[in-house]
Amino acid sequence: MTRPSPLPDGYEFSADTARIDTGRVHRLLAEHTPWAEGRTLEAQRAIVAGSRNYGLYARSREESGRGEQVAYARVVTDGVTFAWLADVIVDPAHRGRRLGAALVDRILEDLDTMGLKRIVLKASEAGRPLYERAGWTPLEGPDDWMELRSR
């Protein structure tokens, strides 16, 4: 694992699911991503409960509390061979500070101890160049992958 992207002053990373502001995450995803369109708050709660969750939080110097959640991502994994990085979102008011890169780098650092063989993600057109710069590549053998969608 390479050294993670620097986290700007005033932000902190956490892998503590108890810190996740599920309502805020739901609003960010519902308002700013096409893939979470129609997702209910109840579904978001279940998603958080079944995933490894990560957040970035903005804090002022005077603030001693939990800080406002400004970014979120989650990982679904068997903990041994495979993981799927999903729902990566940065609040639009905090974009342009490389927070997404810093978040993903810290997630990969957290997962590194598992020795996973594969971590996958589905990137939007806008996100693809960011992931490619970090070393992500298209799936090897994408024709081997299949899916079963709900009807």
N, C-alpha and C. Protein backbone atom coordinates (compact mmCIF):
# COMPACT_ATOMS: atom_id res chain seq x y z
N MET A 1 0.85 -1.19 0.00
CA MET A 1 0.00 0.00 0.00
C MET A 1 0.89 1.23 0.00
N THR A 2 0.57 2.16 -0.88
CA THR A 2 1.30 3.42 -0.90
C THR A 2 0.78 4.33 0.19
N ARG A 3 1.54 5.37 0.43
CA ARG A 3 1.14 6.32 1.47
C ARG A 3 -0.17 7.01 1.09
N PRO A 4 -1.12 7.12 2.03
CA PRO A 4 -2.41 7.73 1.70
C PRO A 4 -2.28 9.21 1.35
N SER A 5 -3.22 9.67 0.51
CA SER A 5 -3.29 11.10 0.19
C SER A 5 -3.46 11.88 1.48
N PRO A 6 -2.85 13.07 1.56
CA PRO A 6 -2.99 13.84 2.79
C PRO A 6 -4.44 14.25 3.04
N LEU A 7 -4.80 14.26 4.29
CA LEU A 7 -6.12 14.71 4.70
C LEU A 7 -6.00 16.18 5.10
N PRO A 8 -6.74 17.07 4.43
CA PRO A 8 -6.61 18.50 4.75
C PRO A 8 -6.90 18.79 6.22
N ASP A 9 -6.30 19.85 6.71
CA ASP A 9 -6.56 20.29 8.09
C ASP A 9 -8.06 20.50 8.27
N GLY A 10 -8.54 20.15 9.44
CA GLY A 10 -9.94 20.35 9.76
C GLY A 10 -10.82 19.16 9.42
N TYR A 11 -10.23 18.09 8.90
CA TYR A 11 -11.00 16.89 8.56
C TYR A 11 -10.40 15.70 9.28
N GLU A 12 -11.26 14.75 9.62
CA GLU A 12 -10.78 13.51 10.21
C GLU A 12 -11.50 12.32 9.60
N PHE A 13 -10.80 11.20 9.56
CA PHE A 13 -11.29 9.94 9.02
C PHE A 13 -11.74 9.06 10.18
N SER A 14 -12.80 8.28 9.95
CA SER A 14 -13.22 7.31 10.94
C SER A 14 -13.81 6.08 10.26
N ALA A 15 -13.50 4.92 10.83
CA ALA A 15 -14.08 3.65 10.39
C ALA A 15 -15.11 3.16 11.40
N ASP A 16 -15.56 4.05 12.27
CA ASP A 16 -16.51 3.72 13.32
C ASP A 16 -17.94 3.86 12.79
N THR A 17 -18.62 2.74 12.61
CA THR A 17 -19.99 2.76 12.09
C THR A 17 -20.91 3.58 12.99
N ALA A 18 -20.64 3.62 14.28
CA ALA A 18 -21.49 4.38 15.20
C ALA A 18 -21.47 5.88 14.88
N ARG A 19 -20.44 6.35 14.19
CA ARG A 19 -20.36 7.78 13.85
C ARG A 19 -21.13 8.13 12.57
N ILE A 20 -21.52 7.14 11.80
CA ILE A 20 -22.19 7.41 10.53
C ILE A 20 -23.52 8.11 10.78
N ASP A 21 -23.71 9.24 10.10
CA ASP A 21 -24.98 9.97 10.14
C ASP A 21 -25.81 9.44 8.97
N THR A 22 -26.57 8.38 9.25
CA THR A 22 -27.28 7.67 8.19
C THR A 22 -28.25 8.58 7.44
N GLY A 23 -28.92 9.47 8.13
CA GLY A 23 -29.83 10.39 7.46
C GLY A 23 -29.11 11.31 6.50
N ARG A 24 -27.98 11.83 6.92
CA ARG A 24 -27.19 12.72 6.05
C ARG A 24 -26.64 11.95 4.85
N VAL A 25 -26.12 10.75 5.10
CA VAL A 25 -25.61 9.92 4.01
C VAL A 25 -26.73 9.64 3.00
N HIS A 26 -27.89 9.30 3.50
CA HIS A 26 -29.03 9.03 2.63
C HIS A 26 -29.36 10.25 1.77
N ARG A 27 -29.41 11.43 2.38
CA ARG A 27 -29.70 12.65 1.61
C ARG A 27 -28.63 12.93 0.56
N LEU A 28 -27.35 12.80 0.94
CA LEU A 28 -26.28 13.04 -0.02
C LEU A 28 -26.39 12.10 -1.22
N LEU A 29 -26.58 10.82 -0.94
CA LEU A 29 -26.67 9.85 -2.03
C LEU A 29 -27.91 10.08 -2.88
N ALA A 30 -29.06 10.31 -2.24
CA ALA A 30 -30.31 10.48 -2.98
C ALA A 30 -30.30 11.75 -3.84
N GLU A 31 -29.66 12.81 -3.34
CA GLU A 31 -29.66 14.09 -4.05
C GLU A 31 -28.54 14.23 -5.07
N HIS A 32 -27.46 13.47 -4.93
CA HIS A 32 -26.28 13.71 -5.76
C HIS A 32 -25.76 12.51 -6.53
N THR A 33 -26.48 11.37 -6.50
CA THR A 33 -26.02 10.21 -7.27
C THR A 33 -27.20 9.57 -8.00
N PRO A 34 -26.97 9.10 -9.21
CA PRO A 34 -28.05 8.42 -9.91
C PRO A 34 -28.31 7.00 -9.38
N TRP A 35 -27.27 6.35 -8.85
CA TRP A 35 -27.43 4.95 -8.46
C TRP A 35 -28.25 4.78 -7.18
N ALA A 36 -28.40 5.81 -6.36
CA ALA A 36 -29.18 5.67 -5.12
C ALA A 36 -30.57 6.28 -5.25
N GLU A 37 -30.92 6.69 -6.46
CA GLU A 37 -32.25 7.27 -6.69
C GLU A 37 -33.32 6.27 -6.26
N GLY A 38 -34.24 6.73 -5.45
CA GLY A 38 -35.33 5.88 -4.98
C GLY A 38 -35.00 5.05 -3.76
N ARG A 39 -33.76 5.09 -3.30
CA ARG A 39 -33.38 4.34 -2.11
C ARG A 39 -34.05 4.97 -0.88
N THR A 40 -34.68 4.17 -0.08
CA THR A 40 -35.35 4.69 1.11
C THR A 40 -34.38 4.82 2.28
N LEU A 41 -34.77 5.60 3.27
CA LEU A 41 -33.95 5.72 4.48
C LEU A 41 -33.86 4.37 5.18
N GLU A 42 -34.93 3.61 5.17
CA GLU A 42 -34.91 2.29 5.80
C GLU A 42 -33.90 1.38 5.09
N ALA A 43 -33.88 1.44 3.75
CA ALA A 43 -32.89 0.66 3.00
C ALA A 43 -31.48 1.12 3.34
N GLN A 44 -31.28 2.44 3.46
CA GLN A 44 -29.95 2.96 3.80
C GLN A 44 -29.52 2.46 5.17
N ARG A 45 -30.43 2.42 6.11
CA ARG A 45 -30.10 1.90 7.45
C ARG A 45 -29.65 0.44 7.36
N ALA A 46 -30.35 -0.37 6.56
CA ALA A 46 -29.97 -1.78 6.39
C ALA A 46 -28.62 -1.90 5.69
N ILE A 47 -28.38 -1.04 4.72
CA ILE A 47 -27.09 -1.04 4.01
C ILE A 47 -25.95 -0.75 4.97
N VAL A 48 -26.13 0.26 5.81
CA VAL A 48 -25.10 0.61 6.80
C VAL A 48 -24.89 -0.56 7.76
N ALA A 49 -25.96 -1.18 8.18
CA ALA A 49 -25.85 -2.30 9.13
C ALA A 49 -25.10 -3.49 8.54
N GLY A 50 -25.17 -3.67 7.22
CA GLY A 50 -24.54 -4.83 6.59
C GLY A 50 -23.20 -4.55 5.93
N SER A 51 -22.63 -3.37 6.16
CA SER A 51 -21.40 -2.99 5.47
C SER A 51 -20.33 -2.53 6.46
N ARG A 52 -19.10 -2.48 5.98
CA ARG A 52 -18.02 -1.77 6.67
C ARG A 52 -18.16 -0.33 6.23
N ASN A 53 -18.28 0.60 7.15
CA ASN A 53 -18.59 1.99 6.83
C ASN A 53 -17.45 2.91 7.21
N TYR A 54 -17.30 3.95 6.38
CA TYR A 54 -16.21 4.90 6.57
C TYR A 54 -16.73 6.31 6.35
N GLY A 55 -16.18 7.25 7.09
CA GLY A 55 -16.60 8.63 6.92
C GLY A 55 -15.45 9.60 7.11
N LEU A 56 -15.64 10.77 6.51
CA LEU A 56 -14.79 11.93 6.78
C LEU A 56 -15.66 12.97 7.44
N TYR A 57 -15.08 13.65 8.42
CA TYR A 57 -15.82 14.61 9.23
C TYR A 57 -15.08 15.93 9.27
N ALA A 58 -15.83 17.02 9.12
CA ALA A 58 -15.26 18.37 9.20
C ALA A 58 -15.44 18.88 10.62
N ARG A 59 -14.36 19.43 11.16
CA ARG A 59 -14.42 19.97 12.52
C ARG A 59 -13.75 21.32 12.55
N SER A 60 -14.34 22.23 13.29
CA SER A 60 -13.68 23.52 13.51
C SER A 60 -12.71 23.35 14.67
N ARG A 61 -11.80 24.29 14.80
CA ARG A 61 -10.80 24.20 15.88
C ARG A 61 -11.45 24.19 17.26
N GLU A 62 -12.56 24.90 17.41
CA GLU A 62 -13.23 24.99 18.71
C GLU A 62 -14.11 23.78 19.00
N GLU A 63 -14.42 23.03 17.97
CA GLU A 63 -15.37 21.94 18.11
C GLU A 63 -14.73 20.74 18.80
N SER A 64 -15.41 20.25 19.83
CA SER A 64 -14.90 19.07 20.52
C SER A 64 -15.83 17.89 20.31
N GLY A 65 -16.91 18.09 19.56
CA GLY A 65 -17.88 17.04 19.32
C GLY A 65 -17.48 16.13 18.18
N ARG A 66 -18.47 15.53 17.58
CA ARG A 66 -18.26 14.51 16.55
C ARG A 66 -17.92 15.09 15.20
N GLY A 67 -18.25 16.31 14.92
CA GLY A 67 -18.00 16.89 13.61
C GLY A 67 -19.08 16.51 12.61
N GLU A 68 -19.22 17.33 11.58
CA GLU A 68 -20.21 17.09 10.54
C GLU A 68 -19.67 16.10 9.52
N GLN A 69 -20.45 15.08 9.19
CA GLN A 69 -20.02 14.12 8.19
C GLN A 69 -20.09 14.77 6.82
N VAL A 70 -18.97 14.72 6.08
CA VAL A 70 -18.89 15.36 4.77
C VAL A 70 -18.57 14.36 3.65
N ALA A 71 -18.27 13.12 4.00
CA ALA A 71 -17.99 12.11 2.99
C ALA A 71 -18.32 10.73 3.57
N TYR A 72 -18.63 9.82 2.68
CA TYR A 72 -19.01 8.47 3.08
C TYR A 72 -18.59 7.48 2.00
N ALA A 73 -18.29 6.28 2.41
CA ALA A 73 -18.11 5.14 1.52
C ALA A 73 -18.33 3.89 2.35
N ARG A 74 -18.62 2.81 1.66
CA ARG A 74 -18.81 1.55 2.36
C ARG A 74 -18.16 0.43 1.58
N VAL A 75 -17.91 -0.67 2.27
CA VAL A 75 -17.32 -1.85 1.66
C VAL A 75 -18.14 -3.06 2.06
N VAL A 76 -18.46 -3.88 1.07
CA VAL A 76 -19.09 -5.17 1.29
C VAL A 76 -18.01 -6.21 1.02
N THR A 77 -17.77 -7.09 1.99
CA THR A 77 -16.66 -8.03 1.85
C THR A 77 -16.91 -9.33 2.58
N ASP A 78 -16.24 -10.38 2.11
CA ASP A 78 -16.23 -11.64 2.86
C ASP A 78 -15.10 -11.64 3.87
N GLY A 79 -14.26 -10.61 3.82
CA GLY A 79 -13.17 -10.47 4.78
C GLY A 79 -11.94 -11.29 4.47
N VAL A 80 -11.96 -12.05 3.36
CA VAL A 80 -10.84 -12.92 3.05
C VAL A 80 -10.35 -12.73 1.61
N THR A 81 -11.26 -12.81 0.64
CA THR A 81 -10.83 -12.80 -0.75
C THR A 81 -11.36 -11.65 -1.58
N PHE A 82 -12.52 -11.08 -1.23
CA PHE A 82 -13.22 -10.17 -2.12
C PHE A 82 -13.84 -9.01 -1.37
N ALA A 83 -13.82 -7.84 -1.99
CA ALA A 83 -14.51 -6.67 -1.44
C ALA A 83 -15.05 -5.81 -2.57
N TRP A 84 -16.13 -5.15 -2.29
CA TRP A 84 -16.75 -4.21 -3.23
C TRP A 84 -16.84 -2.86 -2.54
N LEU A 85 -16.17 -1.87 -3.11
CA LEU A 85 -16.21 -0.50 -2.61
C LEU A 85 -17.42 0.17 -3.25
N ALA A 86 -18.28 0.77 -2.45
CA ALA A 86 -19.53 1.31 -2.98
C ALA A 86 -19.91 2.62 -2.29
N ASP A 87 -20.82 3.33 -2.93
CA ASP A 87 -21.45 4.53 -2.38
C ASP A 87 -20.45 5.60 -1.94
N VAL A 88 -19.38 5.77 -2.70
CA VAL A 88 -18.40 6.81 -2.37
C VAL A 88 -19.02 8.16 -2.72
N ILE A 89 -19.13 9.04 -1.74
CA ILE A 89 -19.75 10.36 -1.94
C ILE A 89 -19.06 11.39 -1.06
N VAL A 90 -18.83 12.57 -1.65
CA VAL A 90 -18.31 13.72 -0.91
C VAL A 90 -19.34 14.83 -1.07
N ASP A 91 -19.71 15.46 0.04
CA ASP A 91 -20.64 16.59 0.00
C ASP A 91 -20.13 17.61 -1.00
N PRO A 92 -20.98 18.06 -1.94
CA PRO A 92 -20.53 19.03 -2.94
C PRO A 92 -19.88 20.29 -2.34
N ALA A 93 -20.29 20.70 -1.16
CA ALA A 93 -19.70 21.88 -0.52
C ALA A 93 -18.26 21.66 -0.09
N HIS A 94 -17.82 20.40 -0.08
CA HIS A 94 -16.45 20.07 0.36
C HIS A 94 -15.60 19.46 -0.75
N ARG A 95 -16.11 19.46 -1.97
CA ARG A 95 -15.36 18.88 -3.09
C ARG A 95 -14.23 19.81 -3.51
N GLY A 96 -13.28 19.25 -4.27
CA GLY A 96 -12.15 20.03 -4.76
C GLY A 96 -10.99 20.08 -3.78
N ARG A 97 -11.06 19.28 -2.72
CA ARG A 97 -10.00 19.26 -1.70
C ARG A 97 -9.32 17.89 -1.64
N ARG A 98 -9.61 17.03 -2.62
CA ARG A 98 -9.06 15.68 -2.69
C ARG A 98 -9.53 14.80 -1.53
N LEU A 99 -10.70 15.12 -0.99
CA LEU A 99 -11.25 14.33 0.11
C LEU A 99 -11.62 12.93 -0.34
N GLY A 100 -12.15 12.80 -1.55
CA GLY A 100 -12.49 11.46 -2.06
C GLY A 100 -11.27 10.57 -2.14
N ALA A 101 -10.19 11.10 -2.67
CA ALA A 101 -8.94 10.32 -2.76
C ALA A 101 -8.43 9.96 -1.37
N ALA A 102 -8.48 10.91 -0.45
CA ALA A 102 -8.02 10.66 0.92
C ALA A 102 -8.88 9.60 1.59
N LEU A 103 -10.19 9.65 1.36
CA LEU A 103 -11.10 8.66 1.95
C LEU A 103 -10.80 7.27 1.40
N VAL A 104 -10.71 7.14 0.08
CA VAL A 104 -10.47 5.84 -0.54
C VAL A 104 -9.10 5.28 -0.11
N ASP A 105 -8.09 6.12 -0.06
CA ASP A 105 -6.77 5.66 0.38
C ASP A 105 -6.82 5.09 1.79
N ARG A 106 -7.53 5.74 2.67
CA ARG A 106 -7.62 5.26 4.05
C ARG A 106 -8.44 3.97 4.16
N ILE A 107 -9.45 3.85 3.32
CA ILE A 107 -10.22 2.61 3.28
C ILE A 107 -9.32 1.47 2.82
N LEU A 108 -8.56 1.68 1.76
CA LEU A 108 -7.66 0.64 1.27
C LEU A 108 -6.61 0.28 2.31
N GLU A 109 -6.14 1.25 3.04
CA GLU A 109 -5.18 0.99 4.12
C GLU A 109 -5.84 0.11 5.19
N ASP A 110 -7.10 0.38 5.52
CA ASP A 110 -7.83 -0.42 6.50
C ASP A 110 -8.02 -1.85 6.00
N LEU A 111 -8.31 -2.01 4.71
CA LEU A 111 -8.56 -3.34 4.14
C LEU A 111 -7.27 -4.13 3.90
N ASP A 112 -6.15 -3.44 3.81
CA ASP A 112 -4.87 -4.06 3.46
C ASP A 112 -4.52 -5.24 4.37
N THR A 113 -4.87 -5.17 5.63
CA THR A 113 -4.52 -6.24 6.57
C THR A 113 -5.26 -7.53 6.28
N MET A 114 -6.33 -7.48 5.48
CA MET A 114 -7.11 -8.69 5.18
C MET A 114 -6.46 -9.55 4.11
N GLY A 115 -5.59 -8.97 3.30
CA GLY A 115 -4.96 -9.73 2.22
C GLY A 115 -5.94 -10.10 1.11
N LEU A 116 -6.90 -9.25 0.85
CA LEU A 116 -7.92 -9.51 -0.18
C LEU A 116 -7.28 -9.69 -1.55
N LYS A 117 -7.82 -10.60 -2.35
CA LYS A 117 -7.32 -10.83 -3.70
C LYS A 117 -7.88 -9.83 -4.70
N ARG A 118 -9.08 -9.32 -4.43
CA ARG A 118 -9.73 -8.41 -5.38
C ARG A 118 -10.63 -7.43 -4.65
N ILE A 119 -10.52 -6.18 -5.04
CA ILE A 119 -11.44 -5.14 -4.60
C ILE A 119 -11.99 -4.50 -5.87
N VAL A 120 -13.30 -4.46 -5.99
CA VAL A 120 -13.92 -3.90 -7.18
C VAL A 120 -14.75 -2.68 -6.81
N LEU A 121 -15.04 -1.89 -7.83
CA LEU A 121 -15.96 -0.77 -7.69
C LEU A 121 -16.57 -0.49 -9.04
N LYS A 122 -17.69 0.19 -9.03
CA LYS A 122 -18.31 0.65 -10.26
C LYS A 122 -18.18 2.16 -10.25
N ALA A 123 -17.43 2.70 -11.21
CA ALA A 123 -17.12 4.13 -11.23
C ALA A 123 -17.98 4.86 -12.25
N SER A 124 -18.42 6.04 -11.87
CA SER A 124 -19.12 6.91 -12.81
C SER A 124 -18.12 7.46 -13.82
N GLU A 125 -18.60 8.04 -14.89
CA GLU A 125 -17.70 8.67 -15.87
C GLU A 125 -16.84 9.73 -15.19
N ALA A 126 -17.45 10.53 -14.31
CA ALA A 126 -16.70 11.59 -13.62
C ALA A 126 -15.67 11.01 -12.66
N GLY A 127 -16.00 9.89 -12.02
CA GLY A 127 -15.09 9.31 -11.04
C GLY A 127 -13.98 8.46 -11.62
N ARG A 128 -14.20 7.93 -12.81
CA ARG A 128 -13.23 7.02 -13.42
C ARG A 128 -11.80 7.58 -13.47
N PRO A 129 -11.57 8.82 -13.94
CA PRO A 129 -10.19 9.33 -13.98
C PRO A 129 -9.54 9.42 -12.59
N LEU A 130 -10.33 9.72 -11.59
CA LEU A 130 -9.79 9.80 -10.23
C LEU A 130 -9.28 8.44 -9.77
N TYR A 131 -10.07 7.40 -10.05
CA TYR A 131 -9.66 6.06 -9.64
C TYR A 131 -8.49 5.57 -10.49
N GLU A 132 -8.50 5.86 -11.77
CA GLU A 132 -7.38 5.43 -12.64
C GLU A 132 -6.07 6.05 -12.18
N ARG A 133 -6.09 7.32 -11.77
CA ARG A 133 -4.86 7.97 -11.27
C ARG A 133 -4.34 7.27 -10.03
N ALA A 134 -5.23 6.64 -9.28
CA ALA A 134 -4.84 5.94 -8.05
C ALA A 134 -4.46 4.49 -8.31
N GLY A 135 -4.45 4.07 -9.59
CA GLY A 135 -4.00 2.72 -9.91
C GLY A 135 -5.10 1.71 -10.19
N TRP A 136 -6.35 2.09 -10.10
CA TRP A 136 -7.45 1.19 -10.41
C TRP A 136 -7.45 0.93 -11.91
N THR A 137 -7.80 -0.27 -12.33
CA THR A 137 -7.84 -0.64 -13.74
C THR A 137 -9.19 -1.29 -14.04
N PRO A 138 -9.57 -1.34 -15.33
CA PRO A 138 -10.80 -2.06 -15.68
C PRO A 138 -10.71 -3.52 -15.24
N LEU A 139 -11.86 -4.15 -15.05
CA LEU A 139 -11.90 -5.55 -14.64
C LEU A 139 -11.14 -6.43 -15.63
N GLU A 140 -10.39 -7.35 -15.08
CA GLU A 140 -9.77 -8.38 -15.91
C GLU A 140 -10.85 -9.40 -16.25
N GLY A 141 -11.02 -9.68 -17.52
CA GLY A 141 -12.04 -10.64 -17.93
C GLY A 141 -13.45 -10.19 -17.63
N PRO A 142 -13.84 -8.97 -18.01
CA PRO A 142 -15.19 -8.50 -17.68
C PRO A 142 -16.27 -9.38 -18.30
N ASP A 143 -15.96 -10.08 -19.38
CA ASP A 143 -16.96 -10.94 -20.01
C ASP A 143 -17.29 -12.16 -19.15
N ASP A 144 -16.45 -12.44 -18.16
CA ASP A 144 -16.72 -13.55 -17.24
C ASP A 144 -17.73 -13.17 -16.17
N TRP A 145 -17.91 -11.88 -15.92
CA TRP A 145 -18.81 -11.41 -14.88
C TRP A 145 -20.24 -11.46 -15.38
N MET A 146 -21.13 -11.80 -14.48
CA MET A 146 -22.56 -11.84 -14.79
C MET A 146 -23.29 -11.18 -13.65
N GLU A 147 -24.56 -10.85 -13.90
CA GLU A 147 -25.37 -10.28 -12.85
C GLU A 147 -26.79 -10.81 -12.97
N LEU A 148 -27.51 -10.77 -11.86
CA LEU A 148 -28.92 -11.10 -11.81
C LEU A 148 -29.60 -9.94 -11.14
N ARG A 149 -30.40 -9.23 -11.90
CA ARG A 149 -31.09 -8.04 -11.36
C ARG A 149 -32.49 -8.44 -10.90
N SER A 150 -32.96 -7.71 -9.91
CA SER A 150 -34.33 -7.95 -9.45
C SER A 150 -35.31 -7.51 -10.53
N ARG A 151 -36.45 -8.11 -10.54
CA ARG A 151 -37.44 -7.80 -11.58
C ARG A 151 -38.35 -6.71 -11.14
